[in-house]
C-alpha atoms as a PDB file:
ATOM      1  CA  MET A   1      48.506  15.484  17.803  1.00  0.00           C
ATOM      2  CA  GLU A   2      48.559  11.697  16.898  1.00  0.00           C
ATOM      3  CA  TYR A   3      46.738   8.745  19.287  1.00  0.00           C
ATOM      4  CA  GLU A   4      46.942   5.647  19.387  1.00  0.00           C
ATOM      5  CA  PRO A   5      44.276   3.502  17.493  1.00  0.00           C
ATOM      6  CA  LEU A   6      41.315   2.337  19.783  1.00  0.00           C
ATOM      7  CA  SER A   7      41.860  -1.156  19.229  1.00  0.00           C
ATOM      8  CA  THR A   8      45.163  -0.915  21.390  1.00  0.00           C
ATOM      9  CA  LEU A   9      43.054   0.847  24.187  1.00  0.00           C
ATOM     10  CA  VAL A  10      40.629  -2.348  23.830  1.00  0.00           C
ATOM     11  CA  GLU A  11      43.114  -4.832  23.897  1.00  0.00           C
ATOM     12  CA  LEU A  12      45.257  -3.077  26.933  1.00  0.00           C
ATOM     13  CA  LEU A  13      41.685  -3.016  29.248  1.00  0.00           C
ATOM     14  CA  CYS A  14      40.731  -6.902  28.314  1.00  0.00           C
ATOM     15  CA  ARG A  15      44.386  -7.911  28.388  1.00  0.00           C
ATOM     16  CA  GLY A  16      44.691 -10.703  31.222  1.00  0.00           C
ATOM     17  CA  ASN A  17      41.346 -10.883  31.892  1.00  0.00           C
ATOM     18  CA  ALA A  18      37.713 -12.131  30.573  1.00  0.00           C
ATOM     19  CA  MET A  19      36.161  -8.788  30.735  1.00  0.00           C
ATOM     20  CA  HIS A  20      34.713  -8.446  26.862  1.00  0.00           C
ATOM     21  CA  ILE A  21      34.402  -5.035  24.956  1.00  0.00           C
ATOM     22  CA  SER A  22      32.118  -4.595  22.013  1.00  0.00           C
ATOM     23  CA  VAL A  23      31.269  -1.251  20.482  1.00  0.00           C
ATOM     24  CA  TRP A  24      27.705  -0.730  18.744  1.00  0.00           C
ATOM     25  CA  ASP A  25      28.117   1.710  15.794  1.00  0.00           C
ATOM     26  CA  PHE A  26      25.154   3.545  14.632  1.00  0.00           C
ATOM     27  CA  SER A  27      26.725   5.909  12.460  1.00  0.00           C
ATOM     28  CA  GLY A  28      29.752   4.442  10.622  1.00  0.00           C
ATOM     29  CA  LEU A  29      31.960   5.698  12.979  1.00  0.00           C
ATOM     30  CA  LEU A  30      34.072   2.862  13.176  1.00  0.00           C
ATOM     31  CA  GLN A  31      34.810   2.381   9.681  1.00  0.00           C
ATOM     32  CA  TRP A  32      37.248   5.388  10.201  1.00  0.00           C
ATOM     33  CA  GLU A  33      40.856   3.945  10.454  1.00  0.00           C
ATOM     34  CA  PRO A  34      41.911   5.236  14.172  1.00  0.00           C
ATOM     35  CA  LEU A  35      38.235   3.913  15.318  1.00  0.00           C
ATOM     36  CA  ALA A  36      38.467   0.552  13.306  1.00  0.00           C
ATOM     37  CA  LEU A  37      37.740  -2.773  15.544  1.00  0.00           C
ATOM     38  CA  ASP A  38      37.643  -6.171  15.103  1.00  0.00           C
ATOM     39  CA  LEU A  39      34.601  -7.705  14.424  1.00  0.00           C
ATOM     40  CA  ALA A  40      34.386  -9.792  17.843  1.00  0.00           C
ATOM     41  CA  ASN A  41      34.479  -6.256  19.355  1.00  0.00           C
ATOM     42  CA  GLN A  42      31.671  -5.136  17.190  1.00  0.00           C
ATOM     43  CA  PHE A  43      29.551  -7.941  18.604  1.00  0.00           C
ATOM     44  CA  HIS A  44      29.044  -9.178  21.771  1.00  0.00           C
ATOM     45  CA  SER A  45      31.515 -12.390  20.556  1.00  0.00           C
ATOM     46  CA  VAL A  46      32.768 -14.697  23.707  1.00  0.00           C
ATOM     47  CA  PRO A  47      32.149 -18.631  23.787  1.00  0.00           C
ATOM     48  CA  PHE A  48      29.292 -18.095  26.297  1.00  0.00           C
ATOM     49  CA  CYS A  49      27.359 -15.360  24.196  1.00  0.00           C
ATOM     50  CA  GLY A  50      27.950 -17.676  21.042  1.00  0.00           C
ATOM     51  CA  LEU A  51      26.173 -21.266  23.391  1.00  0.00           C
ATOM     52  CA  ALA A  52      23.287 -18.618  24.563  1.00  0.00           C
ATOM     53  CA  LYS A  53      22.631 -17.991  20.688  1.00  0.00           C
ATOM     54  CA  SER A  54      22.625 -21.656  19.194  1.00  0.00           C
ATOM     55  CA  THR A  55      19.599 -21.742  18.818  1.00  0.00           C
ATOM     56  CA  ARG A  56      16.704 -19.984  17.311  1.00  0.00           C
ATOM     57  CA  LYS A  57      14.773 -18.861  20.215  1.00  0.00           C
ATOM     58  CA  GLY A  58      17.892 -17.947  22.235  1.00  0.00           C
ATOM     59  CA  TYR A  59      19.335 -16.017  19.679  1.00  0.00           C
ATOM     60  CA  ARG A  60      16.149 -13.966  19.065  1.00  0.00           C
ATOM     61  CA  LEU A  61      16.080 -13.384  23.061  1.00  0.00           C
ATOM     62  CA  CYS A  62      19.619 -11.993  23.015  1.00  0.00           C
ATOM     63  CA  ILE A  63      18.461  -9.651  19.515  1.00  0.00           C
ATOM     64  CA  ARG A  64      15.771  -8.851  21.556  1.00  0.00           C
ATOM     65  CA  CYS A  65      17.748  -8.048  25.074  1.00  0.00           C
ATOM     66  CA  LYS A  66      20.251  -5.992  22.514  1.00  0.00           C
ATOM     67  CA  GLU A  67      17.552  -4.333  20.853  1.00  0.00           C
ATOM     68  CA  ARG A  68      15.994  -2.399  24.167  1.00  0.00           C
ATOM     69  CA  ALA A  69      19.674  -2.172  25.391  1.00  0.00           C
ATOM     70  CA  ASN A  70      20.454   0.146  22.094  1.00  0.00           C
ATOM     71  CA  ARG A  71      17.122   1.841  22.337  1.00  0.00           C
ATOM     72  CA  LYS A  72      17.587   2.748  26.010  1.00  0.00           C
ATOM     73  CA  ALA A  73      20.722   4.207  24.990  1.00  0.00           C
ATOM     74  CA  ARG A  74      19.704   6.267  21.948  1.00  0.00           C
ATOM     75  CA  VAL A  75      16.576   7.739  23.742  1.00  0.00           C
ATOM     76  CA  GLY A  76      18.325   8.773  27.555  1.00  0.00           C
ATOM     77  CA  LYS A  77      21.975   9.114  26.098  1.00  0.00           C
ATOM     78  CA  VAL A  78      23.317   8.390  29.476  1.00  0.00           C
ATOM     79  CA  PRO A  79      25.131   5.515  30.860  1.00  0.00           C
ATOM     80  CA  PHE A  80      23.512   2.598  32.378  1.00  0.00           C
ATOM     81  CA  SER A  81      24.082  -0.968  33.268  1.00  0.00           C
ATOM     82  CA  GLY A  82      22.587  -4.163  34.238  1.00  0.00           C
ATOM     83  CA  TYR A  83      22.568  -7.983  33.889  1.00  0.00           C
ATOM     84  CA  CYS A  84      21.703  -9.834  30.373  1.00  0.00           C
ATOM     85  CA  VAL A  85      18.763 -12.381  30.430  1.00  0.00           C
ATOM     86  CA  CYS A  86      21.343 -15.179  31.036  1.00  0.00           C
ATOM     87  CA  GLY A  87      22.759 -13.863  34.367  1.00  0.00           C
ATOM     88  CA  LEU A  88      25.765 -11.368  33.122  1.00  0.00           C
ATOM     89  CA  PHE A  89      26.539  -8.166  33.771  1.00  0.00           C
ATOM     90  CA  GLU A  90      27.151  -5.360  31.273  1.00  0.00           C
ATOM     91  CA  ALA A  91      27.950  -1.472  31.529  1.00  0.00           C
ATOM     92  CA  ALA A  92      26.660   0.456  28.327  1.00  0.00           C
ATOM     93  CA  TYR A  93      28.613   3.993  27.660  1.00  0.00           C
ATOM     94  CA  PRO A  94      26.527   5.906  24.728  1.00  0.00           C
ATOM     95  CA  VAL A  95      29.034   8.150  22.932  1.00  0.00           C
ATOM     96  CA  VAL A  96      27.260  11.045  21.958  1.00  0.00           C
ATOM     97  CA  LEU A  97      28.695  13.545  19.164  1.00  0.00           C
ATOM     98  CA  ASP A  98      26.858  16.844  17.572  1.00  0.00           C
ATOM     99  CA  GLY A  99      23.699  15.824  20.143  1.00  0.00           C
ATOM    100  CA  GLN A 100      23.835  12.359  18.274  1.00  0.00           C
ATOM    101  CA  VAL A 101      24.375   9.001  20.120  1.00  0.00           C
ATOM    102  CA  ARG A 102      27.061   7.796  17.080  1.00  0.00           C
ATOM    103  CA  CYS A 103      27.898   4.357  19.195  1.00  0.00           C
ATOM    104  CA  VAL A 104      27.787   2.397  22.034  1.00  0.00           C
ATOM    105  CA  VAL A 105      30.193   1.302  24.015  1.00  0.00           C
ATOM    106  CA  TYR A 106      29.502  -2.060  26.112  1.00  0.00           C
ATOM    107  CA  ALA A 107      31.672  -3.414  28.863  1.00  0.00           C
ATOM    108  CA  GLY A 108      31.036  -6.857  30.529  1.00  0.00           C
ATOM    109  CA  ASN A 109      31.353 -10.440  30.311  1.00  0.00           C
ATOM    110  CA  LEU A 110      31.110 -10.083  34.183  1.00  0.00           C
ATOM    111  CA  ALA A 111      29.751 -12.637  36.781  1.00  0.00           C
ATOM    112  CA  PRO A 112      29.863 -10.621  40.236  1.00  0.00           C
ATOM    113  CA  ASP A 113      27.752 -13.208  41.592  1.00  0.00           C
ATOM    114  CA  LEU A 114      28.568 -16.808  39.747  1.00  0.00           C
ATOM    115  CA  PRO A 115      25.865 -19.007  42.228  1.00  0.00           C
ATOM    116  CA  ALA A 116      23.110 -16.018  40.720  1.00  0.00           C
ATOM    117  CA  ALA A 117      23.935 -15.764  37.375  1.00  0.00           C
ATOM    118  CA  GLU A 118      24.326 -19.673  37.265  1.00  0.00           C
ATOM    119  CA  GLU A 119      20.624 -19.991  38.283  1.00  0.00           C
ATOM    120  CA  ARG A 120      19.442 -17.243  35.566  1.00  0.00           C
ATOM    121  CA  LEU A 121      21.498 -18.792  33.019  1.00  0.00           C
ATOM    122  CA  ARG A 122      19.670 -22.363  33.442  1.00  0.00           C
ATOM    123  CA  ARG A 123      16.093 -20.580  33.857  1.00  0.00           C
ATOM    124  CA  THR A 124      16.689 -19.078  30.521  1.00  0.00           C
ATOM    125  CA  ALA A 125      18.241 -22.331  29.149  1.00  0.00           C
ATOM    126  CA  GLY A 126      15.194 -23.979  30.144  1.00  0.00           C
ATOM    127  CA  ILE A 127      13.264 -21.644  27.603  1.00  0.00           C
ATOM    128  CA  THR A 128      15.355 -21.676  24.718  1.00  0.00           C
ATOM    129  CA  GLY A 129      17.221 -25.033  24.930  1.00  0.00           C
ATOM    130  CA  ALA A 130      20.279 -23.700  24.954  1.00  0.00           C
ATOM    131  CA  PRO A 131      22.953 -26.269  26.089  1.00  0.00           C
ATOM    132  CA  ALA A 132      23.319 -25.158  29.990  1.00  0.00           C
ATOM    133  CA  GLU A 133      25.838 -27.438  30.915  1.00  0.00           C
ATOM    134  CA  ARG A 134      28.025 -26.172  28.360  1.00  0.00           C
ATOM    135  CA  MET A 135      26.804 -22.604  29.378  1.00  0.00           C
ATOM    136  CA  ALA A 136      27.611 -23.074  32.995  1.00  0.00           C
ATOM    137  CA  GLU A 137      31.332 -24.345  32.380  1.00  0.00           C
ATOM    138  CA  GLU A 138      31.866 -21.382  30.389  1.00  0.00           C
ATOM    139  CA  LEU A 139      30.520 -18.763  33.039  1.00  0.00           C
ATOM    140  CA  ARG A 140      32.578 -20.735  35.711  1.00  0.00           C
ATOM    141  CA  ALA A 141      35.697 -20.531  33.688  1.00  0.00           C
ATOM    142  CA  GLY A 142      34.600 -16.342  33.114  1.00  0.00           C
ATOM    143  CA  GLU A 143      35.792 -12.888  34.546  1.00  0.00           C
ATOM    144  CA  HIS A 144      34.780 -13.215  38.569  1.00  0.00           C
ATOM    145  CA  SER A 145      38.110 -11.275  39.553  1.00  0.00           C
ATOM    146  CA  LEU A 146      36.715  -7.639  38.109  1.00  0.00           C
ATOM    147  CA  THR A 147      33.754  -5.530  39.845  1.00  0.00           C
ATOM    148  CA  PRO A 148      30.745  -4.132  37.786  1.00  0.00           C
ATOM    149  CA  GLU A 149      32.723  -0.821  38.955  1.00  0.00           C
ATOM    150  CA  ASP A 150      35.458  -1.693  36.720  1.00  0.00           C
ATOM    151  CA  ALA A 151      33.336  -2.644  33.720  1.00  0.00           C
ATOM    152  CA  GLU A 152      31.314   0.703  33.929  1.00  0.00           C
ATOM    153  CA  ARG A 153      35.050   2.716  34.505  1.00  0.00           C
ATOM    154  CA  ALA A 154      36.309   0.942  31.418  1.00  0.00           C
ATOM    155  CA  ALA A 155      33.064   1.340  29.386  1.00  0.00           C
ATOM    156  CA  ARG A 156      33.647   5.333  29.779  1.00  0.00           C
ATOM    157  CA  LEU A 157      37.260   5.596  29.456  1.00  0.00           C
ATOM    158  CA  VAL A 158      36.342   3.859  25.980  1.00  0.00           C
ATOM    159  CA  GLY A 159      33.509   5.652  25.279  1.00  0.00           C
ATOM    160  CA  SER A 160      36.097   9.076  25.946  1.00  0.00           C
ATOM    161  CA  TYR A 161      38.582   8.082  23.627  1.00  0.00           C
ATOM    162  CA  ILE A 162      35.818   7.237  20.734  1.00  0.00           C
ATOM    163  CA  ARG A 163      34.305  11.156  21.723  1.00  0.00           C
ATOM    164  CA  LEU A 164      37.628  12.367  21.473  1.00  0.00           C
ATOM    165  CA  LEU A 165      38.925  11.049  18.633  1.00  0.00           C
ATOM    166  CA  GLY A 166      35.190  10.933  16.765  1.00  0.00           C
ATOM    167  CA  ARG A 167      35.897  14.745  16.528  1.00  0.00           C
ATOM    168  CA  ASP A 168      38.443  14.694  13.864  1.00  0.00           C
ATOM    169  CA  ALA A 169      36.419  11.841  11.644  1.00  0.00           C
ATOM    170  CA  PRO A 170      35.807  12.790   8.400  1.00  0.00           C
ATOM    171  CA  TRP A 171      31.506  12.751   7.649  1.00  0.00           C
ATOM    172  CA  PRO A 172      30.259  10.682   6.072  1.00  0.00           C
ATOM    173  CA  VAL A 173      33.082   8.023   6.859  1.00  0.00           C
ATOM    174  CA  SER A 174      32.396   5.865   4.264  1.00  0.00           C
ATOM    175  CA  PRO A 175      30.179   5.884   1.383  1.00  0.00           C
ATOM    176  CA  ARG A 176      28.061   3.376   2.186  1.00  0.00           C
ATOM    177  CA  HIS A 177      25.131   3.672   4.906  1.00  0.00           C
ATOM    178  CA  TRP A 178      26.060   2.589   8.002  1.00  0.00           C
ATOM    179  CA  ALA A 179      22.988   0.296   8.731  1.00  0.00           C
ATOM    180  CA  VAL A 180      24.007  -1.186   5.313  1.00  0.00           C
ATOM    181  CA  GLU A 181      27.767  -1.842   7.104  1.00  0.00           C
ATOM    182  CA  ARG A 182      26.120  -2.949  10.131  1.00  0.00           C
ATOM    183  CA  LEU A 183      24.194  -5.585   8.299  1.00  0.00           C
ATOM    184  CA  LEU A 184      27.216  -7.221   6.388  1.00  0.00           C
ATOM    185  CA  GLU A 185      29.191  -6.961   9.773  1.00  0.00           C
ATOM    186  CA  ALA A 186      26.573  -9.567  11.456  1.00  0.00           C
ATOM    187  CA  VAL A 187      26.568 -11.641   8.446  1.00  0.00           C
ATOM    188  CA  ARG A 188      30.017 -11.910   8.360  1.00  0.00           C
ATOM    189  CA  GLU A 189      30.062 -12.382  12.214  1.00  0.00           C
ATOM    190  CA  HIS A 190      26.780 -14.564  13.160  1.00  0.00           C
ATOM    191  CA  TYR A 191      26.179 -15.955   9.678  1.00  0.00           C
ATOM    192  CA  ALA A 192      26.147 -19.578  11.572  1.00  0.00           C
ATOM    193  CA  TYR A 193      23.414 -18.473  13.596  1.00  0.00           C
ATOM    194  CA  PRO A 194      19.755 -18.173  12.289  1.00  0.00           C
ATOM    195  CA  ILE A 195      20.020 -14.294  11.944  1.00  0.00           C
ATOM    196  CA  THR A 196      17.285 -12.622  10.054  1.00  0.00           C
ATOM    197  CA  LEU A 197      16.570  -9.168   8.286  1.00  0.00           C
ATOM    198  CA  ARG A 198      14.202  -7.879  10.561  1.00  0.00           C
ATOM    199  CA  ASP A 199      15.849  -8.997  13.987  1.00  0.00           C
ATOM    200  CA  LEU A 200      18.965  -6.753  12.608  1.00  0.00           C
ATOM    201  CA  ALA A 201      17.249  -4.017  11.167  1.00  0.00           C
ATOM    202  CA  ALA A 202      15.509  -3.621  14.490  1.00  0.00           C
ATOM    203  CA  VAL A 203      18.337  -3.849  16.612  1.00  0.00           C
ATOM    204  CA  CYS A 204      20.026  -1.124  14.488  1.00  0.00           C
ATOM    205  CA  TYR A 205      17.109   1.246  14.905  1.00  0.00           C
ATOM    206  CA  PHE A 206      15.724   0.737  11.311  1.00  0.00           C
ATOM    207  CA  ASN A 207      12.800  -0.315   9.401  1.00  0.00           C
ATOM    208  CA  GLU A 208      13.323  -3.821   8.502  1.00  0.00           C
ATOM    209  CA  LYS A 209      11.332  -2.774   4.717  1.00  0.00           C
ATOM    210  CA  TYR A 210      13.572   0.409   4.587  1.00  0.00           C
ATOM    211  CA  ALA A 211      16.318  -1.445   5.992  1.00  0.00           C
ATOM    212  CA  GLY A 212      16.135  -4.048   2.997  1.00  0.00           C
ATOM    213  CA  ARG A 213      15.507  -1.401   0.163  1.00  0.00           C
ATOM    214  CA  LEU A 214      18.986   0.240   1.575  1.00  0.00           C
ATOM    215  CA  PHE A 215      20.750  -3.112   1.281  1.00  0.00           C
ATOM    216  CA  LYS A 216      19.716  -3.988  -2.389  1.00  0.00           C
ATOM    217  CA  ALA A 217      20.375  -0.356  -3.525  1.00  0.00           C
ATOM    218  CA  GLN A 218      24.226  -0.413  -2.594  1.00  0.00           C
ATOM    219  CA  THR A 219      25.001  -3.856  -2.745  1.00  0.00           C
ATOM    220  CA  GLY A 220      22.832  -5.238  -5.863  1.00  0.00           C
ATOM    221  CA  GLN A 221      21.259  -8.292  -3.694  1.00  0.00           C
ATOM    222  CA  SER A 222      18.665  -8.337  -1.437  1.00  0.00           C
ATOM    223  CA  PHE A 223      19.861  -9.378   2.329  1.00  0.00           C
ATOM    224  CA  HIS A 224      18.763 -12.671   1.936  1.00  0.00           C
ATOM    225  CA  GLN A 225      20.364 -13.380  -1.456  1.00  0.00           C
ATOM    226  CA  TYR A 226      23.642 -12.112   0.213  1.00  0.00           C
ATOM    227  CA  LEU A 227      23.576 -14.010   3.415  1.00  0.00           C
ATOM    228  CA  ALA A 228      22.848 -17.134   1.382  1.00  0.00           C
ATOM    229  CA  ALA A 229      25.784 -16.630  -0.982  1.00  0.00           C
ATOM    230  CA  TYR A 230      27.932 -16.250   2.319  1.00  0.00           C
ATOM    231  CA  ARG A 231      26.856 -19.106   3.809  1.00  0.00           C
ATOM    232  CA  LEU A 232      27.754 -21.054   0.631  1.00  0.00           C
ATOM    233  CA  ASP A 233      30.826 -19.589  -0.256  1.00  0.00           C
ATOM    234  CA  ARG A 234      31.835 -20.475   3.646  1.00  0.00           C
ATOM    235  CA  ALA A 235      30.401 -24.156   2.852  1.00  0.00           C
ATOM    236  CA  GLU A 236      32.681 -24.537  -0.202  1.00  0.00           C
ATOM    237  CA  GLU A 237      35.767 -23.938   1.916  1.00  0.00           C
ATOM    238  CA  MET A 238      34.727 -26.672   4.559  1.00  0.00           C
ATOM    239  CA  LEU A 239      34.094 -28.793   1.893  1.00  0.00           C
ATOM    240  CA  ARG A 240      37.370 -28.446   0.041  1.00  0.00           C
ATOM    241  CA  GLU A 241      39.997 -28.419   3.490  1.00  0.00           C
ATOM    242  CA  GLY A 242      37.743 -31.083   5.656  1.00  0.00           C
ATOM    243  CA  SER A 243      36.399 -34.101   6.136  1.00  0.00           C
ATOM    244  CA  ARG A 244      32.896 -33.214   8.404  1.00  0.00           C
ATOM    245  CA  ALA A 245      29.445 -34.472   6.877  1.00  0.00           C
ATOM    246  CA  VAL A 246      27.439 -32.190   4.751  1.00  0.00           C
ATOM    247  CA  ALA A 247      24.807 -32.100   7.215  1.00  0.00           C
ATOM    248  CA  ASP A 248      27.482 -30.850   9.562  1.00  0.00           C
ATOM    249  CA  VAL A 249      29.121 -28.222   7.517  1.00  0.00           C
ATOM    250  CA  ALA A 250      25.121 -27.016   6.532  1.00  0.00           C
ATOM    251  CA  ARG A 251      24.686 -26.557  10.355  1.00  0.00           C
ATOM    252  CA  GLU A 252      28.123 -25.096  11.144  1.00  0.00           C
ATOM    253  CA  CYS A 253      27.297 -22.653   8.037  1.00  0.00           C
ATOM    254  CA  GLY A 254      23.581 -21.730   9.127  1.00  0.00           C
ATOM    255  CA  PHE A 255      21.521 -23.694   7.416  1.00  0.00           C
ATOM    256  CA  GLU A 256      18.864 -25.156   9.314  1.00  0.00           C
ATOM    257  CA  SER A 257      18.294 -28.040   6.359  1.00  0.00           C
ATOM    258  CA  THR A 258      20.004 -30.295   4.627  1.00  0.00           C
ATOM    259  CA  SER A 259      18.177 -30.566   1.989  1.00  0.00           C
ATOM    260  CA  TYR A 260      17.530 -26.761   1.442  1.00  0.00           C
ATOM    261  CA  PHE A 261      21.744 -26.391   1.379  1.00  0.00           C
ATOM    262  CA  ASN A 262      21.855 -29.030  -0.959  1.00  0.00           C
ATOM    263  CA  ARG A 263      19.639 -27.204  -3.144  1.00  0.00           C
ATOM    264  CA  LEU A 264      21.056 -24.436  -2.851  1.00  0.00           C
ATOM    265  CA  PHE A 265      24.740 -25.430  -3.299  1.00  0.00           C
ATOM    266  CA  ARG A 266      23.991 -27.775  -6.122  1.00  0.00           C
ATOM    267  CA  GLU A 267      22.388 -24.286  -7.847  1.00  0.00           C
ATOM    268  CA  ARG A 268      25.205 -22.160  -7.308  1.00  0.00           C
ATOM    269  CA  PHE A 269      28.335 -25.134  -7.992  1.00  0.00           C
ATOM    270  CA  GLY A 270      26.623 -27.469 -10.468  1.00  0.00           C
ATOM    271  CA  ARG A 271      26.990 -30.365  -8.270  1.00  0.00           C
ATOM    272  CA  SER A 272      25.614 -32.005  -5.378  1.00  0.00           C
ATOM    273  CA  PRO A 273      27.974 -31.025  -2.017  1.00  0.00           C
ATOM    274  CA  GLY A 274      29.258 -34.667  -1.428  1.00  0.00           C
ATOM    275  CA  ALA A 275      30.363 -34.552  -5.218  1.00  0.00           C
ATOM    276  CA  TYR A 276      32.502 -30.928  -4.680  1.00  0.00           C
ATOM    277  CA  ARG A 277      34.480 -32.795  -1.969  1.00  0.00           C
ATOM    278  CA  LYS A 278      35.203 -35.431  -4.108  1.00  0.00           C
ATOM    279  CA  GLU A 279      36.131 -33.460  -7.219  1.00  0.00           C
ATOM    280  CA  THR A 280      38.258 -31.278  -5.105  1.00  0.00           C
ATOM    281  CA  GLY A 281      40.594 -33.829  -4.077  1.00  0.00           C
ATOM    282  CA  PHE A 282      40.097 -34.521  -0.290  1.00  0.00           C
ATOM    283  CA  SER A 283      40.812 -37.782   0.851  1.00  0.00           C
ATOM    284  CA  SER A 284      42.000 -38.506   4.164  1.00  0.00           C
ATOM    285  CA  GLU A 285      45.390 -38.842   3.652  1.00  0.00           C
ATOM    286  CA  ASN A 286      45.134 -34.864   3.525  1.00  0.00           C
ATOM    287  CA  LEU A 287      45.095 -35.077   7.272  1.00  0.00           C
ATOM    288  CA  VAL A 288      48.412 -36.352   7.521  1.00  0.00           C
END
């Protein structure tokens, strides 16, 4: 029997509303083509959360929140729901195959009680330094028609579908360890944030040193080297294609220090970011 890909179901459930569904993979199951999802649906990637994670304190707080949720799902192996530190409701559904939690479905981005959610986000933003007014705007523009029960049903439906298709998945799905795949995906999706191996390993339920050794053994680079190289590649693209200031490019690519960015860029490309942009031929005429 042939089944529709998982991405089709996720798209249908989120069509016409602002609910967001993501699946946190603990086994490499989503690397199998019928269960493959876009990166945006493998991480909780919505504008509200992007603002919440835009400061180092905010990012660390969100990571810790997801770490606790993943641990609860893997240990308890039963569905649960609740509110994140910034006030959004989310339902979690652990997908159990062969007695192990292979992944966790999260359905949320809901604010059924808008005043309470806004009060909570402002309290959290006061601690983390996140832009409270912009977050409040995103919150008010979010999903208010759906109920917590709707999110719980959506999570259960997606989880049940993964379990149905997952019975036929080949094991291992990929020759690369699932934790390494998660780290690579995290870099591609979150390179602009202050991510660290320590935080990501904790969310993956892995020891930091073991995750680092595994990553280097399977990629040939340390996590720090890979992250820096990926950020430099994105910065190089921005410099070739746009007119943003070097400091803005550095910040948007996750470099907290412009001088550190300049030094790494020169080491990688043999010239400063400003000189590189001039040599690649960008000028204001290109914008016409």
